[in-house]
C-alpha atoms as a PDB file:
ATOM      1  CA  MET A   1       7.780   1.059 -35.982  1.00  0.00           C
ATOM      2  CA  LEU A   2       6.532  -1.941 -34.083  1.00  0.00           C
ATOM      3  CA  LYS A   3       8.825  -1.079 -31.268  1.00  0.00           C
ATOM      4  CA  SER A   4       7.283   2.402 -31.097  1.00  0.00           C
ATOM      5  CA  THR A   5       3.961   0.875 -31.378  1.00  0.00           C
ATOM      6  CA  LEU A   6       4.228  -1.451 -28.681  1.00  0.00           C
ATOM      7  CA  GLY A   7       5.744   1.229 -26.390  1.00  0.00           C
ATOM      8  CA  TYR A   8       2.558   3.382 -26.802  1.00  0.00           C
ATOM      9  CA  VAL A   9       0.245   0.574 -26.284  1.00  0.00           C
ATOM     10  CA  THR A  10       2.114  -0.443 -23.112  1.00  0.00           C
ATOM     11  CA  ALA A  11       1.663   3.217 -21.812  1.00  0.00           C
ATOM     12  CA  LEU A  12      -1.976   3.411 -22.688  1.00  0.00           C
ATOM     13  CA  TRP A  13      -2.440  -0.138 -20.862  1.00  0.00           C
ATOM     14  CA  SER A  14      -0.595   1.485 -17.813  1.00  0.00           C
ATOM     15  CA  LEU A  15      -2.299   4.582 -17.969  1.00  0.00           C
ATOM     16  CA  THR A  16      -5.690   2.775 -18.292  1.00  0.00           C
ATOM     17  CA  TYR A  17      -4.821   0.833 -14.819  1.00  0.00           C
ATOM     18  CA  GLY A  18      -3.613   4.303 -13.205  1.00  0.00           C
ATOM     19  CA  VAL A  19      -7.147   5.630 -14.138  1.00  0.00           C
ATOM     20  CA  LEU A  20      -8.991   2.364 -12.823  1.00  0.00           C
ATOM     21  CA  GLY A  21      -7.269   2.907  -9.599  1.00  0.00           C
ATOM     22  CA  ILE A  22      -8.250   6.404  -9.292  1.00  0.00           C
ATOM     23  CA  TYR A  23     -11.979   5.226 -10.075  1.00  0.00           C
ATOM     24  CA  TRP A  24     -11.479   2.637  -6.936  1.00  0.00           C
ATOM     25  CA  ALA A  25      -9.984   4.845  -4.820  1.00  0.00           C
ATOM     26  CA  THR A  26     -12.917   6.891  -4.931  1.00  0.00           C
ATOM     27  CA  GLY A  27     -15.580   4.100  -4.310  1.00  0.00           C
ATOM     28  CA  GLY A  28     -15.900   2.588  -7.767  1.00  0.00           C
ATOM     29  CA  SER A  29     -17.296  -0.720  -8.289  1.00  0.00           C
ATOM     30  CA  GLY A  30     -15.613  -3.852  -9.630  1.00  0.00           C
ATOM     31  CA  TYR A  31     -12.377  -3.500  -7.516  1.00  0.00           C
ATOM     32  CA  PRO A  32     -10.552  -6.817  -8.338  1.00  0.00           C
ATOM     33  CA  PHE A  33      -9.099  -7.757  -5.013  1.00  0.00           C
ATOM     34  CA  ALA A  34     -12.116  -7.301  -3.014  1.00  0.00           C
ATOM     35  CA  ARG A  35     -12.901 -10.348  -0.921  1.00  0.00           C
ATOM     36  CA  VAL A  36     -15.519 -13.021  -2.452  1.00  0.00           C
ATOM     37  CA  ASP A  37     -18.156 -14.259  -0.287  1.00  0.00           C
ATOM     38  CA  ASP A  38     -18.247 -17.557  -1.804  1.00  0.00           C
ATOM     39  CA  ASP A  39     -16.244 -20.505  -1.920  1.00  0.00           C
ATOM     40  CA  HIS A  40     -14.437 -19.323  -4.995  1.00  0.00           C
ATOM     41  CA  ALA A  41     -11.523 -17.681  -3.155  1.00  0.00           C
ATOM     42  CA  THR A  42      -8.533 -16.799  -5.360  1.00  0.00           C
ATOM     43  CA  ALA A  43      -4.908 -17.572  -4.778  1.00  0.00           C
ATOM     44  CA  SER A  44      -4.090 -13.571  -5.259  1.00  0.00           C
ATOM     45  CA  ILE A  45      -1.878 -12.394  -2.176  1.00  0.00           C
ATOM     46  CA  LEU A  46      -3.843  -9.061  -2.581  1.00  0.00           C
ATOM     47  CA  GLU A  47      -7.316 -10.862  -2.089  1.00  0.00           C
ATOM     48  CA  GLY A  48      -8.930  -9.173   0.658  1.00  0.00           C
ATOM     49  CA  ALA A  49      -6.737  -5.985   0.600  1.00  0.00           C
ATOM     50  CA  PRO A  50      -8.513  -2.698   0.895  1.00  0.00           C
ATOM     51  CA  ALA A  51      -9.348  -0.357  -2.138  1.00  0.00           C
ATOM     52  CA  SER A  52      -8.255   2.387   0.187  1.00  0.00           C
ATOM     53  CA  VAL A  53      -4.558   0.940   0.377  1.00  0.00           C
ATOM     54  CA  VAL A  54      -4.070  -0.722  -3.110  1.00  0.00           C
ATOM     55  CA  ALA A  55      -5.754   1.502  -5.209  1.00  0.00           C
ATOM     56  CA  PRO A  56      -3.709   4.650  -4.553  1.00  0.00           C
ATOM     57  CA  VAL A  57      -0.740   2.411  -4.966  1.00  0.00           C
ATOM     58  CA  MET A  58      -2.330   1.283  -8.526  1.00  0.00           C
ATOM     59  CA  VAL A  59      -2.742   4.937  -9.293  1.00  0.00           C
ATOM     60  CA  ALA A  60       1.117   5.505  -8.622  1.00  0.00           C
ATOM     61  CA  LEU A  61       2.226   2.551 -10.381  1.00  0.00           C
ATOM     62  CA  GLY A  62       0.185   2.951 -13.382  1.00  0.00           C
ATOM     63  CA  LEU A  63       0.784   6.539 -14.158  1.00  0.00           C
ATOM     64  CA  LEU A  64       4.649   6.190 -13.494  1.00  0.00           C
ATOM     65  CA  GLY A  65       4.444   3.246 -15.667  1.00  0.00           C
ATOM     66  CA  ALA A  66       2.759   5.114 -18.665  1.00  0.00           C
ATOM     67  CA  VAL A  67       5.532   7.757 -18.014  1.00  0.00           C
ATOM     68  CA  VAL A  68       8.260   5.202 -18.307  1.00  0.00           C
ATOM     69  CA  ALA A  69       6.791   3.435 -21.402  1.00  0.00           C
ATOM     70  CA  VAL A  70       6.594   6.721 -23.340  1.00  0.00           C
ATOM     71  CA  LEU A  71      10.206   7.891 -22.286  1.00  0.00           C
ATOM     72  CA  MET A  72      11.401   4.120 -23.220  1.00  0.00           C
ATOM     73  CA  THR A  73       9.726   4.404 -26.453  1.00  0.00           C
ATOM     74  CA  ARG A  74      10.763   8.078 -27.439  1.00  0.00           C
ATOM     75  CA  GLN A  75      14.562   7.866 -26.676  1.00  0.00           C
ATOM     76  CA  GLU A  76      17.435   5.640 -26.724  1.00  0.00           C
ATOM     77  CA  PRO A  77      18.598   4.374 -23.274  1.00  0.00           C
ATOM     78  CA  ARG A  78      21.651   6.328 -22.133  1.00  0.00           C
ATOM     79  CA  GLY A  79      22.753   6.387 -18.291  1.00  0.00           C
ATOM     80  CA  GLY A  80      19.314   7.178 -16.971  1.00  0.00           C
ATOM     81  CA  GLY A  81      17.842   4.399 -19.303  1.00  0.00           C
ATOM     82  CA  GLN A  82      19.270   1.974 -17.194  1.00  0.00           C
ATOM     83  CA  VAL A  83      16.787   2.960 -14.448  1.00  0.00           C
ATOM     84  CA  LEU A  84      13.927   3.195 -16.584  1.00  0.00           C
ATOM     85  CA  LEU A  85      14.962  -0.519 -17.552  1.00  0.00           C
ATOM     86  CA  GLY A  86      15.246  -1.485 -14.018  1.00  0.00           C
ATOM     87  CA  PHE A  87      11.829  -0.182 -13.124  1.00  0.00           C
ATOM     88  CA  ALA A  88      10.424  -1.904 -16.017  1.00  0.00           C
ATOM     89  CA  VAL A  89      12.004  -5.271 -15.221  1.00  0.00           C
ATOM     90  CA  VAL A  90      10.859  -5.113 -11.611  1.00  0.00           C
ATOM     91  CA  MET A  91       7.409  -4.350 -12.506  1.00  0.00           C
ATOM     92  CA  ALA A  92       7.305  -7.025 -15.280  1.00  0.00           C
ATOM     93  CA  VAL A  93       8.200  -9.579 -12.525  1.00  0.00           C
ATOM     94  CA  LEU A  94       5.622  -8.161 -10.144  1.00  0.00           C
ATOM     95  CA  LEU A  95       2.893  -8.385 -12.449  1.00  0.00           C
ATOM     96  CA  ALA A  96       4.076 -11.672 -13.835  1.00  0.00           C
ATOM     97  CA  LEU A  97       4.793 -13.652 -10.586  1.00  0.00           C
ATOM     98  CA  VAL A  98       2.889 -11.793  -7.785  1.00  0.00           C
ATOM     99  CA  ILE A  99      -0.244 -10.381  -8.715  1.00  0.00           C
ATOM    100  CA  PRO A 100      -1.793 -13.330 -10.665  1.00  0.00           C
ATOM    101  CA  ASP A 101      -4.252 -15.438  -9.285  1.00  0.00           C
END
């Protein structure tokens, strides 16, 4: 029960970032990597990256991540499960080590 709940929460979280990517790609405010005009610059490698480039990538990865999370939650991994697991591991490493400020 806990496994399926966490899987669906993960899918929802990923879907939320996909939807936010759509919002930012269409000019919405609050884009998290916009250059800050004060002395409080972040250490993010994406700081200053334009929304027109990063937001569509966020859309693709967010929606793909939601699908992968649902697939991993609903079925026991078989041959194709290794691909899903590989995607999940790569995304976890990127999100944990590359994206944070």
